[in-house]
Amino acid sequence: MIDVARLAGVSTATVSRVLNNPELVNEETRQRVMDSIQQLGYRINVAARHLRTNQTRLIAVVIPTISDQ
């Protein structure tokens, strides 16, 4: 994200805003950030996001037995 921000000439907060709430960012800035993302091949690291937010948004279901009997 830091590299994307540096290439686009914006802060990392702006890159985050573009990825999470694009309607809050000026269209020209959003396009610059998106071009930088594409040029660098940036992908959101979902595991890092889960660690940062302390939320996985997953639900575990435990079933004691599965049988046809």
PDB file of N, CA and C in Angstrom:
ATOM      1  N   MET A   1       0.823  -1.185   0.000  1.00  0.00           N
ATOM      2  CA  MET A   1       0.000   0.000   0.000  1.00  0.00           C
ATOM      3  C   MET A   1       0.872   1.256   0.000  1.00  0.00           C
ATOM      4  N   ILE A   2       1.998   1.168   0.692  1.00  0.00           N
ATOM      5  CA  ILE A   2       2.908   2.308   0.737  1.00  0.00           C
ATOM      6  C   ILE A   2       3.450   2.611  -0.661  1.00  0.00           C
ATOM      7  N   ASP A   3       3.798   1.567  -1.400  1.00  0.00           N
ATOM      8  CA  ASP A   3       4.312   1.763  -2.759  1.00  0.00           C
ATOM      9  C   ASP A   3       3.246   2.367  -3.672  1.00  0.00           C
ATOM     10  N   VAL A   4       2.015   1.920  -3.524  1.00  0.00           N
ATOM     11  CA  VAL A   4       0.908   2.466  -4.318  1.00  0.00           C
ATOM     12  C   VAL A   4       0.732   3.945  -4.007  1.00  0.00           C
ATOM     13  N   ALA A   5       0.746   4.285  -2.731  1.00  0.00           N
ATOM     14  CA  ALA A   5       0.590   5.682  -2.315  1.00  0.00           C
ATOM     15  C   ALA A   5       1.719   6.539  -2.868  1.00  0.00           C
ATOM     16  N   ARG A   6       2.935   6.045  -2.783  1.00  0.00           N
ATOM     17  CA  ARG A   6       4.095   6.795  -3.270  1.00  0.00           C
ATOM     18  C   ARG A   6       3.978   7.033  -4.782  1.00  0.00           C
ATOM     19  N   LEU A   7       3.637   5.994  -5.551  1.00  0.00           N
ATOM     20  CA  LEU A   7       3.517   6.115  -7.002  1.00  0.00           C
ATOM     21  C   LEU A   7       2.391   7.062  -7.397  1.00  0.00           C
ATOM     22  N   ALA A   8       1.277   7.009  -6.658  1.00  0.00           N
ATOM     23  CA  ALA A   8       0.122   7.861  -6.971  1.00  0.00           C
ATOM     24  C   ALA A   8       0.284   9.275  -6.424  1.00  0.00           C
ATOM     25  N   GLY A   9       1.239   9.470  -5.522  1.00  0.00           N
ATOM     26  CA  GLY A   9       1.447  10.790  -4.934  1.00  0.00           C
ATOM     27  C   GLY A   9       0.386  11.158  -3.913  1.00  0.00           C
ATOM     28  N   VAL A  10      -0.075  10.155  -3.173  1.00  0.00           N
ATOM     29  CA  VAL A  10      -1.101  10.374  -2.150  1.00  0.00           C
ATOM     30  C   VAL A  10      -0.677   9.680  -0.864  1.00  0.00           C
ATOM     31  N   SER A  11      -1.456   9.832   0.193  1.00  0.00           N
ATOM     32  CA  SER A  11      -1.163   9.159   1.462  1.00  0.00           C
ATOM     33  C   SER A  11      -1.718   7.737   1.438  1.00  0.00           C
ATOM     34  N   THR A  12      -1.232   6.918   2.368  1.00  0.00           N
ATOM     35  CA  THR A  12      -1.764   5.558   2.481  1.00  0.00           C
ATOM     36  C   THR A  12      -3.236   5.594   2.903  1.00  0.00           C
ATOM     37  N   ALA A  13      -3.631   6.633   3.640  1.00  0.00           N
ATOM     38  CA  ALA A  13      -5.042   6.772   4.037  1.00  0.00           C
ATOM     39  C   ALA A  13      -5.917   6.968   2.797  1.00  0.00           C
ATOM     40  N   THR A  14      -5.412   7.720   1.826  1.00  0.00           N
ATOM     41  CA  THR A  14      -6.176   7.932   0.593  1.00  0.00           C
ATOM     42  C   THR A  14      -6.301   6.629  -0.183  1.00  0.00           C
ATOM     43  N   VAL A  15      -5.230   5.843  -0.230  1.00  0.00           N
ATOM     44  CA  VAL A  15      -5.294   4.541  -0.908  1.00  0.00           C
ATOM     45  C   VAL A  15      -6.336   3.670  -0.216  1.00  0.00           C
ATOM     46  N   SER A  16      -6.334   3.656   1.106  1.00  0.00           N
ATOM     47  CA  SER A  16      -7.317   2.892   1.857  1.00  0.00           C
ATOM     48  C   SER A  16      -8.731   3.358   1.547  1.00  0.00           C
ATOM     49  N   ARG A  17      -8.929   4.670   1.495  1.00  0.00           N
ATOM     50  CA  ARG A  17     -10.250   5.216   1.171  1.00  0.00           C
ATOM     51  C   ARG A  17     -10.701   4.787  -0.222  1.00  0.00           C
ATOM     52  N   VAL A  18      -9.780   4.807  -1.186  1.00  0.00           N
ATOM     53  CA  VAL A  18     -10.121   4.391  -2.551  1.00  0.00           C
ATOM     54  C   VAL A  18     -10.580   2.941  -2.554  1.00  0.00           C
ATOM     55  N   LEU A  19      -9.901   2.094  -1.784  1.00  0.00           N
ATOM     56  CA  LEU A  19     -10.237   0.669  -1.769  1.00  0.00           C
ATOM     57  C   LEU A  19     -11.509   0.367  -0.989  1.00  0.00           C
ATOM     58  N   ASN A  20     -11.782   1.134   0.058  1.00  0.00           N
ATOM     59  CA  ASN A  20     -12.914   0.831   0.933  1.00  0.00           C
ATOM     60  C   ASN A  20     -14.141   1.712   0.709  1.00  0.00           C
ATOM     61  N   ASN A  21     -13.952   2.975   0.406  1.00  0.00           N
ATOM     62  CA  ASN A  21     -15.060   3.921   0.203  1.00  0.00           C
ATOM     63  C   ASN A  21     -14.735   4.839  -0.969  1.00  0.00           C
ATOM     64  N   PRO A  22     -14.741   4.317  -2.191  1.00  0.00           N
ATOM     65  CA  PRO A  22     -14.314   5.124  -3.337  1.00  0.00           C
ATOM     66  C   PRO A  22     -15.154   6.385  -3.559  1.00  0.00           C
ATOM     67  N   GLU A  23     -16.377   6.403  -3.063  1.00  0.00           N
ATOM     68  CA  GLU A  23     -17.234   7.573  -3.261  1.00  0.00           C
ATOM     69  C   GLU A  23     -16.749   8.782  -2.465  1.00  0.00           C
ATOM     70  N   LEU A  24     -15.855   8.572  -1.504  1.00  0.00           N
ATOM     71  CA  LEU A  24     -15.336   9.667  -0.692  1.00  0.00           C
ATOM     72  C   LEU A  24     -14.119  10.346  -1.317  1.00  0.00           C
ATOM     73  N   VAL A  25     -13.643   9.824  -2.451  1.00  0.00           N
ATOM     74  CA  VAL A  25     -12.408  10.319  -3.051  1.00  0.00           C
ATOM     75  C   VAL A  25     -12.701  10.972  -4.395  1.00  0.00           C
ATOM     76  N   ASN A  26     -12.021  12.082  -4.647  1.00  0.00           N
ATOM     77  CA  ASN A  26     -12.113  12.788  -5.920  1.00  0.00           C
ATOM     78  C   ASN A  26     -11.844  11.801  -7.066  1.00  0.00           C
ATOM     79  N   GLU A  27     -12.578  11.895  -8.148  1.00  0.00           N
ATOM     80  CA  GLU A  27     -12.470  10.962  -9.268  1.00  0.00           C
ATOM     81  C   GLU A  27     -11.051  10.921  -9.849  1.00  0.00           C
ATOM     82  N   GLU A  28     -10.419  12.071  -9.987  1.00  0.00           N
ATOM     83  CA  GLU A  28      -9.062  12.123 -10.542  1.00  0.00           C
ATOM     84  C   GLU A  28      -8.072  11.384  -9.630  1.00  0.00           C
ATOM     85  N   THR A  29      -8.185  11.606  -8.338  1.00  0.00           N
ATOM     86  CA  THR A  29      -7.318  10.939  -7.369  1.00  0.00           C
ATOM     87  C   THR A  29      -7.587   9.446  -7.362  1.00  0.00           C
ATOM     88  N   ARG A  30      -8.858   9.077  -7.384  1.00  0.00           N
ATOM     89  CA  ARG A  30      -9.224   7.662  -7.403  1.00  0.00           C
ATOM     90  C   ARG A  30      -8.622   6.968  -8.617  1.00  0.00           C
ATOM     91  N   GLN A  31      -8.686   7.616  -9.761  1.00  0.00           N
ATOM     92  CA  GLN A  31      -8.144   7.021 -10.981  1.00  0.00           C
ATOM     93  C   GLN A  31      -6.626   6.879 -10.907  1.00  0.00           C
ATOM     94  N   ARG A  32      -5.952   7.875 -10.331  1.00  0.00           N
ATOM     95  CA  ARG A  32      -4.493   7.803 -10.162  1.00  0.00           C
ATOM     96  C   ARG A  32      -4.114   6.621  -9.278  1.00  0.00           C
ATOM     97  N   VAL A  33      -4.860   6.452  -8.191  1.00  0.00           N
ATOM     98  CA  VAL A  33      -4.587   5.336  -7.281  1.00  0.00           C
ATOM     99  C   VAL A  33      -4.874   4.005  -7.973  1.00  0.00           C
ATOM    100  N   MET A  34      -5.974   3.907  -8.681  1.00  0.00           N
ATOM    101  CA  MET A  34      -6.311   2.665  -9.377  1.00  0.00           C
ATOM    102  C   MET A  34      -5.277   2.330 -10.454  1.00  0.00           C
ATOM    103  N   ASP A  35      -4.776   3.337 -11.151  1.00  0.00           N
ATOM    104  CA  ASP A  35      -3.723   3.117 -12.148  1.00  0.00           C
ATOM    105  C   ASP A  35      -2.452   2.594 -11.480  1.00  0.00           C
ATOM    106  N   SER A  36      -2.110   3.157 -10.320  1.00  0.00           N
ATOM    107  CA  SER A  36      -0.927   2.712  -9.577  1.00  0.00           C
ATOM    108  C   SER A  36      -1.105   1.276  -9.093  1.00  0.00           C
ATOM    109  N   ILE A  37      -2.293   0.950  -8.622  1.00  0.00           N
ATOM    110  CA  ILE A  37      -2.595  -0.413  -8.167  1.00  0.00           C
ATOM    111  C   ILE A  37      -2.400  -1.393  -9.314  1.00  0.00           C
ATOM    112  N   GLN A  38      -2.910  -1.042 -10.475  1.00  0.00           N
ATOM    113  CA  GLN A  38      -2.791  -1.919 -11.633  1.00  0.00           C
ATOM    114  C   GLN A  38      -1.333  -2.035 -12.081  1.00  0.00           C
ATOM    115  N   GLN A  39      -0.628  -0.924 -12.118  1.00  0.00           N
ATOM    116  CA  GLN A  39       0.756  -0.920 -12.555  1.00  0.00           C
ATOM    117  C   GLN A  39       1.643  -1.765 -11.643  1.00  0.00           C
ATOM    118  N   LEU A  40       1.398  -1.699 -10.337  1.00  0.00           N
ATOM    119  CA  LEU A  40       2.209  -2.449  -9.377  1.00  0.00           C
ATOM    120  C   LEU A  40       1.705  -3.867  -9.133  1.00  0.00           C
ATOM    121  N   GLY A  41       0.499  -4.166  -9.595  1.00  0.00           N
ATOM    122  CA  GLY A  41      -0.074  -5.487  -9.362  1.00  0.00           C
ATOM    123  C   GLY A  41      -0.470  -5.698  -7.910  1.00  0.00           C
ATOM    124  N   TYR A  42      -0.858  -4.616  -7.232  1.00  0.00           N
ATOM    125  CA  TYR A  42      -1.214  -4.678  -5.811  1.00  0.00           C
ATOM    126  C   TYR A  42      -2.486  -5.489  -5.608  1.00  0.00           C
ATOM    127  N   ARG A  43      -2.466  -6.337  -4.587  1.00  0.00           N
ATOM    128  CA  ARG A  43      -3.657  -7.084  -4.187  1.00  0.00           C
ATOM    129  C   ARG A  43      -3.827  -6.936  -2.691  1.00  0.00           C
ATOM    130  N   ILE A  44      -5.057  -6.837  -2.245  1.00  0.00           N
ATOM    131  CA  ILE A  44      -5.337  -6.722  -0.816  1.00  0.00           C
ATOM    132  C   ILE A  44      -4.960  -8.028  -0.137  1.00  0.00           C
ATOM    133  N   ASN A  45      -4.223  -7.951   0.951  1.00  0.00           N
ATOM    134  CA  ASN A  45      -3.841  -9.120   1.727  1.00  0.00           C
ATOM    135  C   ASN A  45      -4.932  -9.359   2.774  1.00  0.00           C
ATOM    136  N   VAL A  46      -5.802 -10.311   2.493  1.00  0.00           N
ATOM    137  CA  VAL A  46      -6.957 -10.573   3.352  1.00  0.00           C
ATOM    138  C   VAL A  46      -6.524 -11.054   4.738  1.00  0.00           C
ATOM    139  N   ALA A  47      -5.486 -11.876   4.794  1.00  0.00           N
ATOM    140  CA  ALA A  47      -5.009 -12.362   6.094  1.00  0.00           C
ATOM    141  C   ALA A  47      -4.521 -11.201   6.952  1.00  0.00           C
ATOM    142  N   ALA A  48      -3.805 -10.256   6.356  1.00  0.00           N
ATOM    143  CA  ALA A  48      -3.330  -9.089   7.101  1.00  0.00           C
ATOM    144  C   ALA A  48      -4.498  -8.242   7.575  1.00  0.00           C
ATOM    145  N   ARG A  49      -5.520  -8.112   6.740  1.00  0.00           N
ATOM    146  CA  ARG A  49      -6.706  -7.344   7.132  1.00  0.00           C
ATOM    147  C   ARG A  49      -7.381  -7.975   8.342  1.00  0.00           C
ATOM    148  N   HIS A  50      -7.483  -9.303   8.337  1.00  0.00           N
ATOM    149  CA  HIS A  50      -8.108  -9.995   9.464  1.00  0.00           C
ATOM    150  C   HIS A  50      -7.300  -9.802  10.743  1.00  0.00           C
ATOM    151  N   LEU A  51      -5.984  -9.857  10.626  1.00  0.00           N
ATOM    152  CA  LEU A  51      -5.145  -9.637  11.802  1.00  0.00           C
ATOM    153  C   LEU A  51      -5.290  -8.210  12.316  1.00  0.00           C
ATOM    154  N   ARG A  52      -5.342  -7.248  11.416  1.00  0.00           N
ATOM    155  CA  ARG A  52      -5.420  -5.839  11.799  1.00  0.00           C
ATOM    156  C   ARG A  52      -6.756  -5.512  12.471  1.00  0.00           C
ATOM    157  N   THR A  53      -7.851  -6.048  11.917  1.00  0.00           N
ATOM    158  CA  THR A  53      -9.184  -5.732  12.434  1.00  0.00           C
ATOM    159  C   THR A  53      -9.617  -6.687  13.541  1.00  0.00           C
ATOM    160  N   ASN A  54      -8.887  -7.805  13.695  1.00  0.00           N
ATOM    161  CA  ASN A  54      -9.237  -8.826  14.670  1.00  0.00           C
ATOM    162  C   ASN A  54     -10.623  -9.415  14.391  1.00  0.00           C
ATOM    163  N   GLN A  55     -11.009  -9.432  13.117  1.00  0.00           N
ATOM    164  CA  GLN A  55     -12.282 -10.016  12.694  1.00  0.00           C
ATOM    165  C   GLN A  55     -12.055 -10.823  11.420  1.00  0.00           C
ATOM    166  N   THR A  56     -12.590 -12.030  11.382  1.00  0.00           N
ATOM    167  CA  THR A  56     -12.473 -12.829  10.171  1.00  0.00           C
ATOM    168  C   THR A  56     -13.791 -12.870   9.401  1.00  0.00           C
ATOM    169  N   ARG A  57     -14.876 -12.550  10.101  1.00  0.00           N
ATOM    170  CA  ARG A  57     -16.220 -12.605   9.515  1.00  0.00           C
ATOM    171  C   ARG A  57     -16.556 -14.000   8.987  1.00  0.00           C
ATOM    172  N   LEU A  58     -16.068 -15.001   9.694  1.00  0.00           N
ATOM    173  CA  LEU A  58     -16.357 -16.390   9.365  1.00  0.00           C
ATOM    174  C   LEU A  58     -17.195 -16.997  10.478  1.00  0.00           C
ATOM    175  N   ILE A  59     -18.026 -17.941  10.116  1.00  0.00           N
ATOM    176  CA  ILE A  59     -18.838 -18.660  11.088  1.00  0.00           C
ATOM    177  C   ILE A  59     -18.485 -20.135  10.967  1.00  0.00           C
ATOM    178  N   ALA A  60     -18.172 -20.756  12.074  1.00  0.00           N
ATOM    179  CA  ALA A  60     -17.858 -22.185  12.086  1.00  0.00           C
ATOM    180  C   ALA A  60     -19.115 -22.964  12.454  1.00  0.00           C
ATOM    181  N   VAL A  61     -19.333 -24.054  11.752  1.00  0.00           N
ATOM    182  CA  VAL A  61     -20.461 -24.928  12.040  1.00  0.00           C
ATOM    183  C   VAL A  61     -19.897 -26.305  12.369  1.00  0.00           C
ATOM    184  N   VAL A  62     -20.263 -26.816  13.526  1.00  0.00           N
ATOM    185  CA  VAL A  62     -19.777 -28.115  13.963  1.00  0.00           C
ATOM    186  C   VAL A  62     -20.948 -29.097  13.926  1.00  0.00           C
ATOM    187  N   ILE A  63     -20.760 -30.179  13.196  1.00  0.00           N
ATOM    188  CA  ILE A  63     -21.779 -31.221  13.089  1.00  0.00           C
ATOM    189  C   ILE A  63     -21.180 -32.496  13.659  1.00  0.00           C
ATOM    190  N   PRO A  64     -21.816 -33.059  14.705  1.00  0.00           N
ATOM    191  CA  PRO A  64     -21.219 -34.213  15.365  1.00  0.00           C
ATOM    192  C   PRO A  64     -21.076 -35.457  14.465  1.00  0.00           C
ATOM    193  N   THR A  65     -22.085 -35.764  13.685  1.00  0.00           N
ATOM    194  CA  THR A  65     -22.019 -36.940  12.817  1.00  0.00           C
ATOM    195  C   THR A  65     -22.820 -36.719  11.565  1.00  0.00           C
ATOM    196  N   ILE A  66     -22.305 -37.231  10.497  1.00  0.00           N
ATOM    197  CA  ILE A  66     -23.059 -37.212   9.232  1.00  0.00           C
ATOM    198  C   ILE A  66     -23.194 -38.666   8.787  1.00  0.00           C
ATOM    199  N   SER A  67     -24.441 -39.154   8.743  1.00  0.00           N
ATOM    200  CA  SER A  67     -24.649 -40.537   8.322  1.00  0.00           C
ATOM    201  C   SER A  67     -26.044 -40.679   7.731  1.00  0.00           C
ATOM    202  N   ASP A  68     -26.232 -41.735   6.990  1.00  0.00           N
ATOM    203  CA  ASP A  68     -27.525 -42.004   6.371  1.00  0.00           C
ATOM    204  C   ASP A  68     -28.365 -42.941   7.217  1.00  0.00           C
ATOM    205  N   GLN A  69     -27.920 -43.301   8.405  1.00  0.00           N
ATOM    206  CA  GLN A  69     -28.615 -44.299   9.214  1.00  0.00           C
ATOM    207  C   GLN A  69     -29.716 -43.727  10.013  1.00  0.00           C
TER     208      GLN A  69
END
